[in-house]
Structures are given as C-alpha cells and as structure tokens.
Amino acid sequence: SSDGCATTSTNSLELKFVGIDQNGGSKESNFSAFPNPFEQTINVDYTLNEGSTVRLEVFDADGRRVAVPLQNTQQTPGEYTYQLNLEDEKKTAFYFLRVTIDGKTHVKRIFKAK
C-alpha cells in the first residue's frame, strides 16, 4: 500500500502489517489484543524472542474458524503489530484470537461491539 504497510485480505478479515521493532524481545512470546471491546479493527501485538513459525487464527463463539490471516509464517525476532479489520463480521459477539508460535498456543477472547 502507499503507506508502506503490507496488507493481506480474506473474505471477512483484513490483516495490515503495522510494524516491527527488531531491537525488542523478551524471554516469553507476549501476546495482546486491543482495544477490547472493538468495533471494526483490533490490534494484535506479539513479541518473538527468536525466529519462529507463527499462525494467527480467528474463531467465532461457536468455534468456527472465521479467518487465518497468518498461516505458519516464518518470522524473525522482534515486536510485531497487526491490525485485524473484522468490519465484514456483522455480528456483535465474542470472537477468539489464537496465536500459535512454534507449536505453543495463546488464546485471547475479544468482543466485537458493532
């Protein structure tokens, strides 16, 4: 895109790569999602201590996979921020973000307000 950010779209979700800080890092793979609740767009942040394979999935409250914006993507150490646009998901409801980093799974419950 013109702002220098890579954007990936699926049927109902847009994933926008916002940035990476390769000087960051920690002993653990931190994972957060904000704002929560959200209306259309939610930021997903995580930190990789070392090069890792990353998978990001979004599920609805019934356990149906809504999208897989990152599918076993190899990434270098650093801090990552993605913007997920769930505008096409019309339903006000709980969703679940599942991030799998080198086989270790982290899950966050998120709430879409509109």
N, C-alpha and C. Protein backbone atom coordinates (compact mmCIF):
# COMPACT_ATOMS: atom_id res chain seq x y z
N SER A 1 0.82 -1.18 0.00
CA SER A 1 0.00 0.00 0.00
C SER A 1 0.87 1.24 0.00
N SER A 2 0.26 2.40 -0.19
CA SER A 2 1.00 3.65 -0.32
C SER A 2 1.64 4.09 0.99
N ASP A 3 1.17 3.59 2.14
CA ASP A 3 1.75 3.97 3.42
C ASP A 3 2.94 3.10 3.82
N GLY A 4 3.35 2.19 2.92
CA GLY A 4 4.50 1.34 3.18
C GLY A 4 4.17 0.11 4.00
N CYS A 5 2.89 -0.14 4.28
CA CYS A 5 2.47 -1.29 5.06
C CYS A 5 1.94 -2.36 4.13
N ALA A 6 2.27 -3.61 4.45
CA ALA A 6 1.74 -4.71 3.67
C ALA A 6 0.34 -5.04 4.17
N THR A 7 -0.58 -5.31 3.26
CA THR A 7 -1.95 -5.62 3.63
C THR A 7 -2.36 -6.93 2.98
N THR A 8 -2.97 -7.82 3.76
CA THR A 8 -3.47 -9.09 3.27
C THR A 8 -4.96 -9.14 3.57
N SER A 9 -5.78 -9.54 2.60
CA SER A 9 -7.22 -9.60 2.82
C SER A 9 -7.73 -11.01 2.61
N THR A 10 -8.76 -11.37 3.37
CA THR A 10 -9.51 -12.60 3.15
C THR A 10 -10.95 -12.18 2.97
N ASN A 11 -11.88 -13.13 2.92
CA ASN A 11 -13.28 -12.80 2.71
C ASN A 11 -13.81 -11.82 3.74
N SER A 12 -13.48 -12.00 5.01
CA SER A 12 -14.10 -11.18 6.04
C SER A 12 -13.10 -10.51 6.96
N LEU A 13 -11.84 -10.54 6.62
CA LEU A 13 -10.85 -10.02 7.53
C LEU A 13 -9.71 -9.39 6.76
N GLU A 14 -9.28 -8.24 7.21
CA GLU A 14 -8.11 -7.60 6.61
C GLU A 14 -7.01 -7.57 7.65
N LEU A 15 -5.83 -8.01 7.27
CA LEU A 15 -4.67 -8.02 8.16
C LEU A 15 -3.67 -7.02 7.62
N LYS A 16 -3.35 -6.02 8.42
CA LYS A 16 -2.42 -4.99 7.99
C LYS A 16 -1.19 -5.03 8.87
N PHE A 17 -0.03 -5.24 8.26
CA PHE A 17 1.23 -5.25 8.99
C PHE A 17 1.58 -3.80 9.31
N VAL A 18 1.67 -3.49 10.59
CA VAL A 18 1.88 -2.12 11.02
C VAL A 18 3.37 -1.85 11.27
N GLY A 19 4.09 -2.80 11.86
CA GLY A 19 5.49 -2.54 12.10
C GLY A 19 6.19 -3.65 12.84
N ILE A 20 7.51 -3.55 12.88
CA ILE A 20 8.33 -4.48 13.63
C ILE A 20 9.48 -3.71 14.25
N ASP A 21 9.76 -4.01 15.50
CA ASP A 21 10.90 -3.44 16.18
C ASP A 21 11.86 -4.59 16.46
N GLN A 22 12.91 -4.70 15.66
CA GLN A 22 13.82 -5.83 15.79
C GLN A 22 14.75 -5.70 16.98
N ASN A 23 14.73 -4.58 17.68
CA ASN A 23 15.52 -4.43 18.89
C ASN A 23 14.79 -4.94 20.12
N GLY A 24 13.51 -5.22 19.96
CA GLY A 24 12.71 -5.70 21.08
C GLY A 24 12.97 -7.17 21.34
N GLY A 25 12.23 -7.72 22.24
CA GLY A 25 12.38 -9.13 22.54
C GLY A 25 12.31 -9.36 24.02
N SER A 26 11.95 -10.55 24.40
CA SER A 26 11.86 -10.91 25.80
C SER A 26 12.01 -12.41 25.90
N LYS A 27 12.00 -12.91 27.11
CA LYS A 27 12.13 -14.36 27.32
C LYS A 27 10.89 -15.10 26.85
N GLU A 28 9.73 -14.46 26.94
CA GLU A 28 8.47 -15.09 26.55
C GLU A 28 7.92 -14.44 25.29
N SER A 29 6.98 -15.12 24.65
CA SER A 29 6.28 -14.55 23.50
C SER A 29 5.03 -13.85 24.02
N ASN A 30 5.11 -12.54 24.19
CA ASN A 30 3.98 -11.77 24.69
C ASN A 30 2.94 -11.63 23.58
N PHE A 31 1.66 -11.61 23.96
CA PHE A 31 0.56 -11.54 23.00
C PHE A 31 -0.54 -10.71 23.62
N SER A 32 -0.96 -9.65 22.91
CA SER A 32 -2.07 -8.84 23.41
C SER A 32 -2.94 -8.41 22.24
N ALA A 33 -4.19 -8.06 22.55
CA ALA A 33 -5.15 -7.61 21.54
C ALA A 33 -5.91 -6.42 22.14
N PHE A 34 -5.95 -5.30 21.40
CA PHE A 34 -6.59 -4.09 21.90
C PHE A 34 -7.05 -3.23 20.74
N PRO A 35 -8.05 -2.34 20.88
CA PRO A 35 -8.88 -2.23 22.08
C PRO A 35 -9.83 -3.42 22.18
N ASN A 36 -10.27 -3.70 23.35
CA ASN A 36 -11.18 -4.82 23.57
C ASN A 36 -12.17 -4.39 24.64
N PRO A 37 -13.44 -4.13 24.29
CA PRO A 37 -14.11 -4.42 23.01
C PRO A 37 -13.67 -3.47 21.88
N PHE A 38 -14.00 -3.89 20.65
CA PHE A 38 -13.67 -3.11 19.47
C PHE A 38 -14.89 -3.06 18.56
N GLU A 39 -14.87 -2.12 17.60
CA GLU A 39 -15.99 -2.02 16.66
C GLU A 39 -15.67 -2.64 15.31
N GLN A 40 -14.53 -2.29 14.72
CA GLN A 40 -14.17 -2.84 13.41
C GLN A 40 -12.75 -3.40 13.40
N THR A 41 -11.82 -2.66 14.02
CA THR A 41 -10.41 -3.01 13.93
C THR A 41 -9.84 -3.26 15.32
N ILE A 42 -9.05 -4.32 15.42
CA ILE A 42 -8.36 -4.64 16.67
C ILE A 42 -6.89 -4.86 16.36
N ASN A 43 -6.02 -4.37 17.23
CA ASN A 43 -4.58 -4.55 17.07
C ASN A 43 -4.15 -5.82 17.78
N VAL A 44 -3.28 -6.58 17.14
CA VAL A 44 -2.71 -7.78 17.73
C VAL A 44 -1.20 -7.55 17.82
N ASP A 45 -0.68 -7.57 19.03
CA ASP A 45 0.75 -7.38 19.28
C ASP A 45 1.33 -8.69 19.82
N TYR A 46 2.53 -9.03 19.38
CA TYR A 46 3.26 -10.13 19.99
C TYR A 46 4.74 -9.92 19.80
N THR A 47 5.51 -10.53 20.68
CA THR A 47 6.96 -10.41 20.66
C THR A 47 7.57 -11.79 20.46
N LEU A 48 8.54 -11.87 19.57
CA LEU A 48 9.25 -13.12 19.35
C LEU A 48 10.68 -12.97 19.87
N ASN A 49 11.08 -13.87 20.73
CA ASN A 49 12.42 -13.87 21.29
C ASN A 49 13.44 -14.40 20.28
N GLU A 50 12.98 -15.26 19.39
CA GLU A 50 13.84 -15.86 18.38
C GLU A 50 13.01 -16.11 17.13
N GLY A 51 13.67 -16.44 16.03
CA GLY A 51 12.95 -16.76 14.80
C GLY A 51 11.94 -17.86 15.08
N SER A 52 10.72 -17.67 14.62
CA SER A 52 9.64 -18.59 14.97
C SER A 52 8.64 -18.73 13.83
N THR A 53 7.91 -19.84 13.85
CA THR A 53 6.80 -20.05 12.94
C THR A 53 5.53 -19.59 13.65
N VAL A 54 4.78 -18.68 13.00
CA VAL A 54 3.62 -18.06 13.62
C VAL A 54 2.37 -18.36 12.82
N ARG A 55 1.30 -18.68 13.53
CA ARG A 55 -0.02 -18.88 12.93
C ARG A 55 -1.02 -18.06 13.73
N LEU A 56 -1.85 -17.28 13.04
CA LEU A 56 -2.89 -16.47 13.69
C LEU A 56 -4.22 -16.87 13.10
N GLU A 57 -5.16 -17.23 13.98
CA GLU A 57 -6.50 -17.65 13.55
C GLU A 57 -7.54 -16.88 14.35
N VAL A 58 -8.70 -16.68 13.72
CA VAL A 58 -9.84 -16.03 14.37
C VAL A 58 -11.01 -17.00 14.33
N PHE A 59 -11.65 -17.21 15.48
CA PHE A 59 -12.79 -18.11 15.59
C PHE A 59 -13.99 -17.35 16.15
N ASP A 60 -15.20 -17.76 15.74
CA ASP A 60 -16.39 -17.18 16.35
C ASP A 60 -16.70 -17.94 17.64
N ALA A 61 -17.72 -17.52 18.35
CA ALA A 61 -18.05 -18.11 19.65
C ALA A 61 -18.48 -19.57 19.54
N ASP A 62 -18.91 -19.99 18.35
CA ASP A 62 -19.30 -21.39 18.14
C ASP A 62 -18.12 -22.27 17.74
N GLY A 63 -16.93 -21.68 17.69
CA GLY A 63 -15.74 -22.45 17.35
C GLY A 63 -15.46 -22.57 15.87
N ARG A 64 -16.23 -21.86 15.04
CA ARG A 64 -15.98 -21.88 13.59
C ARG A 64 -14.85 -20.92 13.26
N ARG A 65 -13.91 -21.39 12.47
CA ARG A 65 -12.80 -20.53 12.06
C ARG A 65 -13.31 -19.49 11.08
N VAL A 66 -13.12 -18.21 11.41
CA VAL A 66 -13.54 -17.09 10.58
C VAL A 66 -12.45 -16.75 9.58
N ALA A 67 -11.18 -16.82 10.02
CA ALA A 67 -10.07 -16.45 9.14
C ALA A 67 -8.75 -16.99 9.68
N VAL A 68 -7.78 -17.12 8.77
CA VAL A 68 -6.41 -17.49 9.12
C VAL A 68 -5.49 -16.47 8.45
N PRO A 69 -5.33 -15.28 9.06
CA PRO A 69 -4.52 -14.25 8.42
C PRO A 69 -3.03 -14.57 8.35
N LEU A 70 -2.50 -15.35 9.29
CA LEU A 70 -1.12 -15.82 9.21
C LEU A 70 -1.15 -17.34 9.29
N GLN A 71 -0.59 -18.00 8.28
CA GLN A 71 -0.63 -19.46 8.26
C GLN A 71 0.79 -20.00 8.21
N ASN A 72 1.29 -20.38 9.40
CA ASN A 72 2.62 -20.96 9.52
C ASN A 72 3.68 -20.12 8.83
N THR A 73 3.72 -18.84 9.20
CA THR A 73 4.62 -17.85 8.63
C THR A 73 5.90 -17.78 9.45
N GLN A 74 7.05 -17.93 8.80
CA GLN A 74 8.33 -17.82 9.49
C GLN A 74 8.65 -16.34 9.71
N GLN A 75 8.93 -15.95 10.97
CA GLN A 75 9.21 -14.56 11.30
C GLN A 75 10.48 -14.46 12.14
N THR A 76 11.18 -13.34 11.99
CA THR A 76 12.42 -13.10 12.72
C THR A 76 12.11 -12.55 14.11
N PRO A 77 13.09 -12.53 15.03
CA PRO A 77 12.85 -11.98 16.36
C PRO A 77 12.45 -10.51 16.29
N GLY A 78 11.58 -10.09 17.22
CA GLY A 78 11.17 -8.70 17.27
C GLY A 78 9.76 -8.56 17.79
N GLU A 79 9.28 -7.32 17.76
CA GLU A 79 7.93 -7.00 18.20
C GLU A 79 7.08 -6.74 16.97
N TYR A 80 5.95 -7.42 16.88
CA TYR A 80 5.06 -7.32 15.73
C TYR A 80 3.72 -6.73 16.15
N THR A 81 3.15 -5.89 15.28
CA THR A 81 1.81 -5.35 15.48
C THR A 81 1.03 -5.53 14.18
N TYR A 82 -0.14 -6.13 14.28
CA TYR A 82 -1.04 -6.28 13.15
C TYR A 82 -2.37 -5.64 13.48
N GLN A 83 -3.02 -5.09 12.46
CA GLN A 83 -4.39 -4.58 12.62
C GLN A 83 -5.31 -5.56 11.90
N LEU A 84 -6.25 -6.14 12.63
CA LEU A 84 -7.25 -7.02 12.05
C LEU A 84 -8.52 -6.22 11.86
N ASN A 85 -9.02 -6.18 10.64
CA ASN A 85 -10.27 -5.49 10.35
C ASN A 85 -11.36 -6.53 10.23
N LEU A 86 -12.24 -6.55 11.21
CA LEU A 86 -13.36 -7.50 11.23
C LEU A 86 -14.66 -6.81 10.86
N GLU A 87 -14.58 -5.78 10.05
CA GLU A 87 -15.75 -4.99 9.64
C GLU A 87 -16.82 -5.86 8.97
N ASP A 88 -16.40 -6.85 8.18
CA ASP A 88 -17.36 -7.70 7.48
C ASP A 88 -18.09 -8.67 8.40
N GLU A 89 -17.55 -8.89 9.60
CA GLU A 89 -18.25 -9.73 10.58
C GLU A 89 -19.29 -8.84 11.24
N LYS A 90 -20.53 -8.92 10.76
CA LYS A 90 -21.60 -8.01 11.18
C LYS A 90 -22.07 -8.26 12.61
N LYS A 91 -21.90 -9.47 13.07
CA LYS A 91 -22.46 -9.89 14.34
C LYS A 91 -21.72 -9.29 15.54
N THR A 92 -22.49 -8.68 16.46
CA THR A 92 -21.93 -8.27 17.75
C THR A 92 -21.79 -9.54 18.57
N ALA A 93 -20.55 -9.90 18.90
CA ALA A 93 -20.34 -11.19 19.55
C ALA A 93 -18.91 -11.31 20.06
N PHE A 94 -18.68 -12.38 20.82
CA PHE A 94 -17.33 -12.74 21.22
C PHE A 94 -16.65 -13.51 20.09
N TYR A 95 -15.37 -13.25 19.92
CA TYR A 95 -14.53 -13.99 18.99
C TYR A 95 -13.28 -14.40 19.76
N PHE A 96 -12.54 -15.32 19.20
CA PHE A 96 -11.30 -15.78 19.83
C PHE A 96 -10.15 -15.64 18.84
N LEU A 97 -9.06 -15.04 19.31
CA LEU A 97 -7.83 -14.97 18.53
C LEU A 97 -6.93 -16.08 19.06
N ARG A 98 -6.41 -16.89 18.17
CA ARG A 98 -5.48 -17.94 18.57
C ARG A 98 -4.17 -17.71 17.83
N VAL A 99 -3.12 -17.47 18.60
CA VAL A 99 -1.79 -17.31 18.03
C VAL A 99 -0.98 -18.54 18.44
N THR A 100 -0.39 -19.21 17.47
CA THR A 100 0.46 -20.36 17.73
C THR A 100 1.87 -19.99 17.29
N ILE A 101 2.80 -20.02 18.24
CA ILE A 101 4.19 -19.68 17.98
C ILE A 101 5.03 -20.91 18.27
N ASP A 102 5.62 -21.48 17.21
CA ASP A 102 6.42 -22.70 17.33
C ASP A 102 5.70 -23.78 18.12
N GLY A 103 4.41 -23.97 17.84
CA GLY A 103 3.62 -25.03 18.47
C GLY A 103 3.01 -24.67 19.81
N LYS A 104 3.37 -23.52 20.39
CA LYS A 104 2.79 -23.09 21.67
C LYS A 104 1.63 -22.14 21.38
N THR A 105 0.46 -22.47 21.91
CA THR A 105 -0.77 -21.74 21.59
C THR A 105 -1.14 -20.74 22.68
N HIS A 106 -1.54 -19.54 22.23
CA HIS A 106 -2.02 -18.47 23.10
C HIS A 106 -3.40 -18.07 22.57
N VAL A 107 -4.39 -17.90 23.46
CA VAL A 107 -5.74 -17.55 23.05
C VAL A 107 -6.22 -16.32 23.82
N LYS A 108 -6.87 -15.40 23.09
CA LYS A 108 -7.49 -14.23 23.72
C LYS A 108 -8.94 -14.16 23.27
N ARG A 109 -9.83 -13.85 24.21
CA ARG A 109 -11.24 -13.63 23.87
C ARG A 109 -11.39 -12.14 23.58
N ILE A 110 -12.03 -11.83 22.48
CA ILE A 110 -12.27 -10.44 22.08
C ILE A 110 -13.75 -10.25 21.85
N PHE A 111 -14.21 -9.00 21.98
CA PHE A 111 -15.63 -8.71 21.82
C PHE A 111 -15.81 -7.64 20.76
N LYS A 112 -16.60 -7.97 19.73
CA LYS A 112 -16.93 -7.01 18.68
C LYS A 112 -18.23 -6.33 19.09
N ALA A 113 -18.16 -5.00 19.28
CA ALA A 113 -19.29 -4.25 19.81
C ALA A 113 -20.34 -3.92 18.76
N LYS A 114 -19.96 -3.78 17.49
CA LYS A 114 -20.94 -3.44 16.46
C LYS A 114 -20.66 -4.24 15.23
